[in-house]
Amino acid sequence: MKARYKYRIYPNHVQIQKLSQLFGCCRYVWNQSLAHCNQLYADGIKKPSYTDLTKQFITQAKRELLWLKEVASTPLQQSLKDLDQAYKNFFNSCTGKRKGIKVKPPKFKSRKSKQTARFVGANYQINQDKIYLPKVGKIKIVWSRPLASQPTSVTIIRDSANRYFASFVVETCAEHLPKSNNSIGIDLGISTFATLSTGEKIKASLPLKKNLKKLAKFQRKLSRAEVGSKRREKARLKVAKLHAKIKDVRADFLHKLSTKLTHKYDVIVLEDLNVSGMIKNRKLARAISDLGWRQFRTLLEGKAEKYDRDFRVINRWEPTTRKCSCCGFKGGKKDLGVSCGMLRKREWTCLNCGAFHDRDINAAINILNAESVVETVIQPITKVESVIENPVQLSLFNEVAEGQRSIFIGHGAAVRLAVKSKQAAMMCQPTLNLSSNSVCLIDGWESRVVSKSNVGRMSKYRQIPHTIIDWDRLLSRIEEEIVN
């Protein structure tokens, strides 16, 4: 198993200049090769291989551009290998060989973004407190932890905050931790970052929210500075350093939480969330991005593999919030706001068994007890028996009452009635005049009476008090109205 070990390095002024030259040469080789491939594609010619690109943009280019000889050749070759791999990923994604999100074609690199250069083989040397790079020199490095094994490559990174790092790729083995025989389901949220099936709630660090005013102040100064001036570069550096701090605080929180969970539990179950789709909501995009859900899942996957733990992801369409964890009854869609006395902001009561649930804890238990992880269930789901023992057969309706969910649609009157079960059916008044141009929707949580013209949009309705329906009286009343 391969792993990355990242360390901070501190080059001097001369080495910073040499590293900038190295980054510029790698960027030049990448951009020129990419432009050449794009031109060939426009002309209908097949993309050249890695060997052809190396001959043209490294070997022949060094005869004309002497400054390419002033840097090491290995990072230039690795830059072309990365371009070749990027094209392979793009083609495999287009043909369906590569699963997951569609990969876009490679883009041109900018000097303003993060810069990288990779050394492989014996082109670098590791010393006690320094690392030697060819044509750069010995750079001071801080070993925050020892390397697991001899590294196969090292990547020199400069981020937007002008910080330098050395990232080593090493071969590691799985660490077998003692078994705890514990399983956990995790429900991710916005108000609470993670809710565990044990009832524990973990608050998020929210580094962006805490530094939002300072970030806005720095960005205002940056926008007012003259383009190309030294003050603008100083202002840009302040913004970049603050963004780097926010990123580090978030990563530290996620690393500590993922490590704690993988050490404590043998089986970890998480819900598959469409994060890329959720951040398209402009009202929630900043809050979701500040939490780092996807990064948390990636860390859990990697550490579960490292510590020999079982990590599972359930289907995103599993009704974890609407389903009662005690009896398995599926209620209506839960509203985040206060809709009635039975449903407060984060709690609700099951209409089938009467159990009172915390919204997030109930979802976490359902995530743990999902069908994909049924073999590791700690809290078994109670088998749900049919609420209506003898379904009523009415030929006047499109669908017959059956099981937990029954739908009745009247033919002769403007009446549409949708109920979850006999006990869950609720209505404003047992003596509701069904012959009026009104529609009563009974979804187990709300009763709404709207005019016939507003049935489609359901945006305007008058909320009405709830009482338990007289089932037999309702059925007879509906039948009478439709017959008449």
Protein backbone atom coordinates (compact mmCIF):
# COMPACT_ATOMS: atom_id res chain seq x y z
CA MET A 1 0.00 0.00 0.00
CA LYS A 2 1.38 3.39 -1.01
CA ALA A 3 1.19 6.45 1.20
CA ARG A 4 2.34 10.06 1.08
CA TYR A 5 4.44 11.69 3.75
CA LYS A 6 4.51 15.46 3.54
CA TYR A 7 7.11 17.66 5.22
CA ARG A 8 7.84 21.37 5.33
CA ILE A 9 11.09 22.55 3.70
CA TYR A 10 12.81 25.94 4.01
CA PRO A 11 14.93 26.88 0.97
CA ASN A 12 17.15 29.97 1.08
CA HIS A 13 16.93 32.87 -1.37
CA VAL A 14 19.23 31.28 -3.95
CA GLN A 15 17.39 27.96 -3.77
CA ILE A 16 14.02 29.74 -4.06
CA GLN A 17 15.21 31.30 -7.31
CA LYS A 18 16.40 27.94 -8.65
CA LEU A 19 13.15 26.24 -7.66
CA SER A 20 11.17 28.99 -9.41
CA GLN A 21 13.21 28.35 -12.55
CA LEU A 22 12.55 24.61 -12.23
CA PHE A 23 8.80 25.17 -11.84
CA GLY A 24 8.80 27.47 -14.86
CA CYS A 25 10.56 24.91 -17.05
CA CYS A 26 8.16 22.13 -16.03
CA ARG A 27 5.24 24.42 -16.72
CA TYR A 28 6.68 25.40 -20.12
CA VAL A 29 7.14 21.77 -21.21
CA TRP A 30 3.60 20.91 -20.11
CA ASN A 31 1.94 23.88 -21.82
CA GLN A 32 3.88 23.52 -25.08
CA SER A 33 3.13 19.80 -25.29
CA LEU A 34 -0.54 20.37 -24.51
CA ALA A 35 -0.82 23.10 -27.15
CA HIS A 36 0.81 20.77 -29.68
CA CYS A 37 -1.62 17.94 -28.86
CA ASN A 38 -4.60 20.30 -29.13
CA GLN A 39 -3.42 21.46 -32.55
CA LEU A 40 -3.02 17.89 -33.77
CA TYR A 41 -6.50 17.06 -32.52
CA ALA A 42 -7.92 20.05 -34.43
CA ASP A 43 -6.16 18.80 -37.58
CA GLY A 44 -7.54 15.28 -37.11
CA ILE A 45 -4.18 13.72 -36.23
CA LYS A 46 -3.72 11.18 -33.46
CA LYS A 47 -2.04 12.30 -30.24
CA PRO A 48 1.72 11.54 -30.18
CA SER A 49 3.15 9.15 -27.63
CA TYR A 50 5.20 10.06 -24.56
CA THR A 51 8.43 9.15 -26.36
CA ASP A 52 7.68 11.45 -29.29
CA LEU A 53 6.80 14.33 -26.97
CA THR A 54 10.03 13.82 -25.02
CA LYS A 55 12.15 13.95 -28.16
CA GLN A 56 10.46 17.09 -29.44
CA PHE A 57 9.96 19.17 -26.27
CA ILE A 58 12.95 18.11 -24.18
CA THR A 59 15.76 16.71 -26.33
CA GLN A 60 15.35 19.02 -29.34
CA ALA A 61 14.14 21.97 -27.30
CA LYS A 62 17.34 21.98 -25.22
CA ARG A 63 19.35 22.63 -28.39
CA GLU A 64 17.44 25.86 -29.00
CA LEU A 65 16.48 26.89 -25.46
CA LEU A 66 19.65 26.79 -23.38
CA TRP A 67 17.86 27.70 -20.14
CA LEU A 68 16.18 24.26 -20.18
CA LYS A 69 19.65 22.77 -19.52
CA GLU A 70 19.99 24.74 -16.28
CA VAL A 71 17.45 22.52 -14.49
CA ALA A 72 17.32 18.78 -13.86
CA SER A 73 15.86 16.70 -16.69
CA THR A 74 13.93 14.26 -14.49
CA PRO A 75 11.16 16.73 -13.47
CA LEU A 76 10.70 17.66 -17.15
CA GLN A 77 10.23 14.00 -18.09
CA GLN A 78 7.82 13.49 -15.20
CA SER A 79 5.82 16.50 -16.36
CA LEU A 80 5.28 14.84 -19.75
CA LYS A 81 4.41 11.54 -18.04
CA ASP A 82 1.75 13.36 -16.03
CA LEU A 83 0.35 14.83 -19.24
CA ASP A 84 0.25 11.41 -20.87
CA GLN A 85 -1.52 9.95 -17.83
CA ALA A 86 -4.01 12.83 -17.83
CA TYR A 87 -4.93 12.06 -21.43
CA LYS A 88 -5.30 8.34 -20.64
CA ASN A 89 -7.65 9.14 -17.74
CA PHE A 90 -9.68 11.42 -20.00
CA PHE A 91 -9.97 8.85 -22.80
CA ASN A 92 -10.82 6.02 -20.40
CA SER A 93 -13.49 8.18 -18.80
CA CYS A 94 -15.03 8.94 -22.19
CA THR A 95 -15.10 5.26 -23.21
CA GLY A 96 -16.41 4.07 -19.84
CA LYS A 97 -13.27 2.18 -18.75
CA ARG A 98 -12.76 4.61 -15.88
CA LYS A 99 -15.65 4.71 -13.40
CA GLY A 100 -16.78 7.66 -11.35
CA ILE A 101 -17.11 11.33 -12.22
CA LYS A 102 -16.28 12.24 -15.80
CA VAL A 103 -12.68 13.37 -16.19
CA LYS A 104 -12.10 16.57 -18.14
CA PRO A 105 -9.23 17.00 -20.61
CA PRO A 106 -5.95 18.44 -19.26
CA LYS A 107 -5.68 22.21 -18.91
CA PHE A 108 -2.85 24.70 -19.23
CA LYS A 109 -0.89 25.50 -16.08
CA SER A 110 -0.60 29.00 -14.66
CA ARG A 111 2.25 30.55 -12.75
CA LYS A 112 -0.24 31.91 -10.19
CA SER A 113 -1.44 28.51 -9.00
CA LYS A 114 0.32 25.75 -7.07
CA GLN A 115 3.64 24.64 -8.59
CA THR A 116 5.09 21.11 -8.46
CA ALA A 117 8.17 19.25 -9.65
CA ARG A 118 8.77 15.52 -9.09
CA PHE A 119 12.09 13.68 -8.70
CA VAL A 120 12.30 9.88 -8.98
CA GLY A 121 15.00 7.24 -8.67
CA ALA A 122 18.41 8.25 -7.37
CA ASN A 123 18.14 11.90 -8.41
CA TYR A 124 17.78 13.09 -4.83
CA GLN A 125 19.39 12.27 -1.49
CA ILE A 126 17.95 12.32 2.02
CA ASN A 127 20.20 13.48 4.87
CA GLN A 128 19.66 14.00 8.56
CA ASP A 129 18.20 17.52 8.38
CA LYS A 130 18.50 18.31 4.67
CA ILE A 131 17.39 16.96 1.32
CA TYR A 132 19.61 17.23 -1.76
CA LEU A 133 18.07 18.05 -5.14
CA PRO A 134 20.17 18.10 -8.34
CA LYS A 135 20.99 21.62 -9.60
CA VAL A 136 19.23 23.10 -6.57
CA GLY A 137 21.35 22.08 -3.59
CA LYS A 138 20.75 20.95 -0.02
CA ILE A 139 17.45 22.25 1.33
CA LYS A 140 16.59 22.35 5.01
CA ILE A 141 13.75 19.98 5.93
CA VAL A 142 11.82 19.46 9.18
CA TRP A 143 11.09 15.77 9.83
CA SER A 144 7.78 15.91 11.71
CA ARG A 145 7.64 12.08 11.67
CA PRO A 146 9.97 9.34 10.41
CA LEU A 147 9.54 7.83 6.96
CA ALA A 148 7.93 4.40 6.91
CA SER A 149 10.35 3.10 4.26
CA GLN A 150 12.68 4.23 1.51
CA PRO A 151 10.69 6.64 -0.70
CA THR A 152 10.26 5.95 -4.41
CA SER A 153 9.77 9.60 -5.39
CA VAL A 154 9.63 13.10 -3.94
CA THR A 155 7.49 16.00 -5.16
CA ILE A 156 8.51 19.56 -4.37
CA ILE A 157 5.45 21.77 -3.88
CA ARG A 158 5.02 25.51 -3.62
CA ASP A 159 1.51 26.64 -2.69
CA SER A 160 -0.14 30.03 -3.21
CA ALA A 161 1.05 31.21 0.21
CA ASN A 162 4.70 30.71 -0.89
CA ARG A 163 5.18 27.73 1.42
CA TYR A 164 7.40 24.87 0.26
CA PHE A 165 6.80 21.19 0.95
CA ALA A 166 8.43 17.86 0.11
CA SER A 167 5.97 15.01 -0.45
CA PHE A 168 7.46 11.48 -0.39
CA VAL A 169 5.75 8.35 -1.74
CA VAL A 170 6.55 5.29 0.37
CA GLU A 171 5.38 1.68 0.61
CA THR A 172 3.53 0.89 3.86
CA CYS A 173 1.88 -2.16 5.35
CA ALA A 174 -1.49 -2.34 7.07
CA GLU A 175 -1.38 -1.89 10.85
CA HIS A 176 -3.56 -4.47 12.56
CA LEU A 177 -5.23 -2.85 15.57
CA PRO A 178 -6.92 -4.94 18.27
CA LYS A 179 -10.56 -5.76 17.53
CA SER A 180 -13.14 -3.80 19.49
CA ASN A 181 -16.25 -5.59 18.12
CA ASN A 182 -18.00 -2.24 17.78
CA SER A 183 -19.81 -0.78 14.78
CA ILE A 184 -20.82 2.80 14.16
CA GLY A 185 -23.14 4.63 11.78
CA ILE A 186 -22.38 8.26 10.96
CA ASP A 187 -24.89 10.85 9.79
CA LEU A 188 -23.26 13.99 8.39
CA GLY A 189 -25.02 17.33 8.73
CA ILE A 190 -24.61 21.09 8.65
CA SER A 191 -25.65 22.21 12.15
CA THR A 192 -23.83 19.18 13.60
CA PHE A 193 -20.92 17.85 11.56
CA ALA A 194 -21.37 14.20 12.53
CA THR A 195 -23.96 12.37 14.60
CA LEU A 196 -23.01 8.86 15.69
CA SER A 197 -25.45 6.02 16.17
CA THR A 198 -24.36 5.92 19.82
CA GLY A 199 -25.97 9.32 20.34
CA GLU A 200 -22.76 11.35 20.33
CA LYS A 201 -22.82 14.60 18.35
CA ILE A 202 -19.62 16.17 17.02
CA LYS A 203 -19.49 19.87 16.25
CA ALA A 204 -17.56 21.12 13.24
CA SER A 205 -14.58 23.44 13.50
CA LEU A 206 -16.00 25.84 10.83
CA PRO A 207 -12.70 27.65 10.12
CA LEU A 208 -14.08 29.62 7.18
CA LYS A 209 -17.05 30.94 9.14
CA LYS A 210 -14.80 32.07 12.00
CA ASN A 211 -12.39 33.91 9.67
CA LEU A 212 -14.98 35.29 7.27
CA LYS A 213 -14.73 38.92 8.44
CA LYS A 214 -10.94 38.89 8.32
CA LEU A 215 -11.00 37.30 4.87
CA ALA A 216 -13.43 39.94 3.59
CA LYS A 217 -11.17 42.69 4.94
CA PHE A 218 -8.08 41.26 3.21
CA GLN A 219 -9.95 40.77 -0.05
CA ARG A 220 -11.18 44.36 -0.03
CA LYS A 221 -7.61 45.59 0.32
CA LEU A 222 -6.54 43.28 -2.49
CA SER A 223 -9.23 44.56 -4.85
CA ARG A 224 -8.23 48.20 -4.22
CA ALA A 225 -4.50 47.68 -4.82
CA GLU A 226 -3.06 48.55 -8.20
CA VAL A 227 -2.51 45.60 -10.50
CA GLY A 228 1.18 44.69 -10.78
CA SER A 229 2.29 46.68 -7.73
CA LYS A 230 4.21 45.33 -4.76
CA ARG A 231 1.37 46.24 -2.40
CA ARG A 232 -0.99 44.07 -4.42
CA GLU A 233 1.39 41.13 -4.10
CA LYS A 234 1.55 41.68 -0.32
CA ALA A 235 -2.24 41.84 -0.15
CA ARG A 236 -2.53 38.70 -2.27
CA LEU A 237 -0.10 36.91 0.02
CA LYS A 238 -2.21 37.81 3.08
CA VAL A 239 -5.32 36.35 1.47
CA ALA A 240 -3.43 33.21 0.45
CA LYS A 241 -1.98 32.70 3.94
CA LEU A 242 -5.41 33.05 5.52
CA HIS A 243 -6.86 30.52 3.08
CA ALA A 244 -3.96 28.17 3.89
CA LYS A 245 -4.67 28.54 7.61
CA ILE A 246 -8.36 27.76 7.07
CA LYS A 247 -7.45 24.69 5.04
CA ASP A 248 -4.98 23.46 7.67
CA VAL A 249 -7.46 23.89 10.55
CA ARG A 250 -10.11 21.94 8.64
CA ALA A 251 -7.67 19.19 7.67
CA ASP A 252 -6.42 18.89 11.27
CA PHE A 253 -9.98 18.46 12.58
CA LEU A 254 -10.86 15.85 9.96
CA HIS A 255 -7.61 13.92 10.48
CA LYS A 256 -8.09 13.73 14.25
CA LEU A 257 -11.74 12.69 13.98
CA SER A 258 -11.12 10.03 11.33
CA THR A 259 -8.20 8.60 13.30
CA LYS A 260 -10.28 8.47 16.46
CA LEU A 261 -13.12 6.62 14.74
CA THR A 262 -10.89 4.09 12.99
CA HIS A 263 -9.11 3.28 16.26
CA LYS A 264 -12.35 2.88 18.20
CA TYR A 265 -14.65 0.98 15.81
CA ASP A 266 -14.21 -2.09 13.63
CA VAL A 267 -17.02 -1.27 11.17
CA ILE A 268 -17.74 2.29 10.03
CA VAL A 269 -20.83 2.99 7.91
CA LEU A 270 -21.33 6.27 6.08
CA GLU A 271 -24.02 7.61 3.78
CA ASP A 272 -23.20 8.37 0.17
CA LEU A 273 -23.81 12.10 -0.30
CA ASN A 274 -23.95 13.98 -3.60
CA VAL A 275 -21.71 16.78 -2.35
CA SER A 276 -20.96 18.18 -5.81
CA GLY A 277 -24.68 18.51 -6.45
CA MET A 278 -25.49 19.93 -3.01
CA ILE A 279 -22.99 22.78 -3.28
CA LYS A 280 -24.89 24.05 -6.32
CA ASN A 281 -27.42 25.40 -3.84
CA ARG A 282 -26.20 28.97 -3.42
CA LYS A 283 -27.68 29.23 0.07
CA LEU A 284 -25.84 26.17 1.43
CA ALA A 285 -22.72 26.06 -0.75
CA ARG A 286 -20.47 27.97 1.67
CA ALA A 287 -21.61 26.01 4.73
CA ILE A 288 -21.20 22.64 3.01
CA SER A 289 -17.79 23.57 1.60
CA ASP A 290 -16.63 24.69 5.04
CA LEU A 291 -17.41 21.25 6.52
CA GLY A 292 -15.34 19.08 4.17
CA TRP A 293 -17.66 16.06 3.87
CA ARG A 294 -15.88 14.54 0.89
CA GLN A 295 -12.44 14.97 2.44
CA PHE A 296 -13.70 13.27 5.61
CA ARG A 297 -14.93 10.28 3.60
CA THR A 298 -11.61 10.05 1.73
CA LEU A 299 -9.67 10.07 5.01
CA LEU A 300 -11.92 7.39 6.49
CA GLU A 301 -11.43 5.18 3.44
CA GLY A 302 -7.65 5.50 3.54
CA LYS A 303 -7.30 4.98 7.28
CA ALA A 304 -9.74 2.07 7.29
CA GLU A 305 -7.49 0.38 4.74
CA LYS A 306 -4.40 1.28 6.74
CA TYR A 307 -5.71 -0.05 10.06
CA ASP A 308 -7.55 -3.05 8.56
CA ARG A 309 -11.03 -1.74 9.37
CA ASP A 310 -14.28 -2.33 7.48
CA PHE A 311 -15.56 0.86 5.86
CA ARG A 312 -18.90 0.81 4.06
CA VAL A 313 -21.07 3.31 2.23
CA ILE A 314 -24.83 2.90 1.86
CA ASN A 315 -27.04 4.07 -0.98
CA ARG A 316 -27.80 7.79 -0.97
CA TRP A 317 -31.49 7.06 -1.66
CA GLU A 318 -31.95 5.12 1.56
CA PRO A 319 -34.73 6.89 3.59
CA THR A 320 -32.65 7.19 6.75
CA THR A 321 -34.37 10.36 8.02
CA ARG A 322 -37.97 9.32 7.37
CA LYS A 323 -37.62 5.76 8.65
CA CYS A 324 -38.25 4.89 12.30
CA SER A 325 -35.26 3.05 13.73
CA CYS A 326 -37.46 1.17 16.23
CA CYS A 327 -40.22 -0.28 14.05
CA GLY A 328 -39.12 0.53 10.51
CA PHE A 329 -42.21 2.61 9.67
CA LYS A 330 -41.59 5.14 6.89
CA GLY A 331 -43.26 8.45 7.57
CA GLY A 332 -43.61 11.48 5.35
CA LYS A 333 -40.88 13.87 4.35
CA LYS A 334 -39.50 15.71 7.36
CA ASP A 335 -39.43 19.48 7.30
CA LEU A 336 -36.50 21.30 8.86
CA GLY A 337 -38.76 23.97 10.35
CA VAL A 338 -41.51 23.74 12.94
CA SER A 339 -44.55 22.42 11.08
CA CYS A 340 -46.74 21.07 13.86
CA GLY A 341 -46.73 20.06 17.50
CA MET A 342 -45.53 16.55 16.69
CA LEU A 343 -42.49 17.67 14.71
CA ARG A 344 -40.11 20.07 16.36
CA LYS A 345 -36.95 21.24 14.66
CA ARG A 346 -34.78 18.19 15.22
CA GLU A 347 -37.21 15.70 16.80
CA TRP A 348 -40.23 13.77 15.64
CA THR A 349 -42.57 11.05 16.91
CA CYS A 350 -43.29 7.85 15.02
CA LEU A 351 -47.00 7.58 14.27
CA ASN A 352 -46.86 3.79 14.19
CA CYS A 353 -45.08 2.87 17.43
CA GLY A 354 -45.04 6.25 19.21
CA ALA A 355 -41.26 6.33 19.64
CA PHE A 356 -39.75 9.79 20.07
CA HIS A 357 -36.64 10.29 17.90
CA ASP A 358 -33.87 12.77 17.53
CA ARG A 359 -33.71 13.38 13.79
CA ASP A 360 -29.94 12.92 13.41
CA ILE A 361 -29.51 10.04 15.87
CA ASN A 362 -32.36 8.16 14.20
CA ALA A 363 -30.72 8.65 10.79
CA ALA A 364 -27.35 7.44 12.13
CA ILE A 365 -28.96 4.26 13.51
CA ASN A 366 -30.70 3.64 10.20
CA ILE A 367 -27.39 4.11 8.37
CA LEU A 368 -25.84 1.47 10.62
CA ASN A 369 -28.81 -0.88 10.13
CA ALA A 370 -29.03 -0.47 6.36
CA GLU A 371 -29.36 -3.56 4.19
CA SER A 372 -25.79 -3.23 2.91
CA VAL A 373 -24.45 -3.73 6.46
CA VAL A 374 -27.07 -6.09 7.83
CA GLU A 375 -24.38 -8.55 8.95
CA THR A 376 -22.90 -6.05 11.41
CA VAL A 377 -26.12 -4.71 12.88
CA ILE A 378 -25.82 -3.84 16.58
CA GLN A 379 -29.41 -2.64 17.05
CA PRO A 380 -31.68 -5.00 15.02
CA ILE A 381 -34.70 -3.56 13.27
CA THR A 382 -38.04 -4.74 14.60
CA LYS A 383 -40.09 -6.50 11.98
CA VAL A 384 -42.98 -4.31 10.87
CA GLU A 385 -46.33 -5.95 10.48
CA SER A 386 -48.95 -4.60 8.12
CA VAL A 387 -51.04 -1.93 9.79
CA ILE A 388 -54.18 -2.70 7.83
CA GLU A 389 -54.94 -6.36 8.31
CA ASN A 390 -57.92 -6.45 5.94
CA PRO A 391 -57.48 -3.99 3.08
CA VAL A 392 -60.74 -2.50 1.84
CA GLN A 393 -61.48 -3.26 -1.81
CA LEU A 394 -63.20 -0.32 -3.48
CA SER A 395 -63.69 -0.38 -7.21
CA LEU A 396 -64.28 3.36 -7.24
CA PHE A 397 -60.62 4.11 -6.59
CA ASN A 398 -57.54 3.72 -8.76
CA GLU A 399 -55.48 2.00 -6.05
CA VAL A 400 -56.49 -0.15 -3.10
CA ALA A 401 -55.36 0.35 0.49
CA GLU A 402 -52.46 -2.05 0.93
CA GLY A 403 -49.65 -2.35 3.47
CA GLN A 404 -48.19 0.80 4.92
CA ARG A 405 -48.81 3.09 1.95
CA SER A 406 -52.22 3.51 0.35
CA ILE A 407 -53.41 6.02 -2.22
CA PHE A 408 -57.02 6.83 -2.99
CA ILE A 409 -57.95 9.00 -5.94
CA GLY A 410 -61.60 9.92 -6.38
CA HIS A 411 -63.10 9.89 -9.88
CA GLY A 412 -66.30 11.85 -9.48
CA ALA A 413 -65.19 14.56 -7.08
CA ALA A 414 -62.22 16.86 -6.75
CA VAL A 415 -60.82 14.74 -3.97
CA ARG A 416 -57.36 13.28 -3.67
CA LEU A 417 -56.46 11.43 -0.51
CA ALA A 418 -52.98 9.98 0.18
CA VAL A 419 -52.42 8.17 3.46
CA LYS A 420 -49.49 6.22 4.85
CA SER A 421 -51.48 3.89 7.14
CA LYS A 422 -54.71 3.67 9.10
CA GLN A 423 -53.16 5.04 12.29
CA ALA A 424 -51.17 7.68 10.42
CA ALA A 425 -54.20 9.15 8.62
CA MET A 426 -54.98 12.62 9.91
CA MET A 427 -57.60 15.15 9.00
CA CYS A 428 -58.78 18.59 9.98
CA GLN A 429 -62.41 17.68 10.73
CA PRO A 430 -64.19 14.33 10.61
CA THR A 431 -67.13 16.14 9.04
CA LEU A 432 -65.16 17.74 6.18
CA ASN A 433 -67.39 18.50 3.22
CA LEU A 434 -65.66 16.51 0.49
CA SER A 435 -67.96 17.79 -2.23
CA SER A 436 -66.37 21.25 -2.16
CA ASN A 437 -63.61 22.24 -4.56
CA SER A 438 -60.92 21.41 -2.07
CA VAL A 439 -58.20 18.81 -1.87
CA CYS A 440 -57.12 17.12 1.35
CA LEU A 441 -53.60 15.66 1.35
CA ILE A 442 -52.88 13.37 4.25
CA ASP A 443 -49.18 12.45 4.27
CA GLY A 444 -48.75 11.35 7.85
CA TRP A 445 -47.38 14.70 8.99
CA GLU A 446 -49.51 17.54 7.65
CA SER A 447 -53.07 18.08 6.55
CA ARG A 448 -53.42 20.76 3.92
CA VAL A 449 -56.55 22.20 2.37
CA VAL A 450 -55.98 24.12 -0.84
CA SER A 451 -58.13 25.37 -3.64
CA LYS A 452 -58.46 23.23 -6.75
CA SER A 453 -56.39 25.68 -8.82
CA ASN A 454 -53.44 25.44 -6.41
CA VAL A 455 -53.15 21.67 -6.42
CA GLY A 456 -50.15 21.76 -8.78
CA ARG A 457 -47.89 24.10 -6.92
CA MET A 458 -48.95 23.52 -3.27
CA SER A 459 -47.04 26.66 -2.31
CA LYS A 460 -49.98 28.43 -0.66
CA TYR A 461 -52.09 26.53 1.79
CA ARG A 462 -53.87 27.10 5.05
CA GLN A 463 -52.53 24.88 7.80
CA ILE A 464 -55.31 23.30 9.83
CA PRO A 465 -55.43 21.58 13.22
CA HIS A 466 -54.97 17.83 13.35
CA THR A 467 -57.34 15.22 14.73
CA ILE A 468 -57.35 11.47 14.30
CA ILE A 469 -59.67 10.50 11.49
CA ASP A 470 -62.73 8.28 11.89
CA TRP A 471 -61.63 5.77 9.26
CA ASP A 472 -64.96 4.03 8.58
CA ARG A 473 -66.83 7.30 8.48
CA LEU A 474 -64.32 8.78 6.03
CA LEU A 475 -64.56 5.85 3.61
CA SER A 476 -68.33 5.86 3.62
CA ARG A 477 -68.39 9.63 3.14
CA ILE A 478 -66.00 9.47 0.17
CA GLU A 479 -68.05 6.70 -1.44
CA GLU A 480 -71.27 8.67 -1.02
CA GLU A 481 -69.77 11.83 -2.51
CA ILE A 482 -68.34 10.02 -5.52
CA VAL A 483 -71.57 8.13 -6.22
CA ASN A 484 -73.57 11.35 -6.00
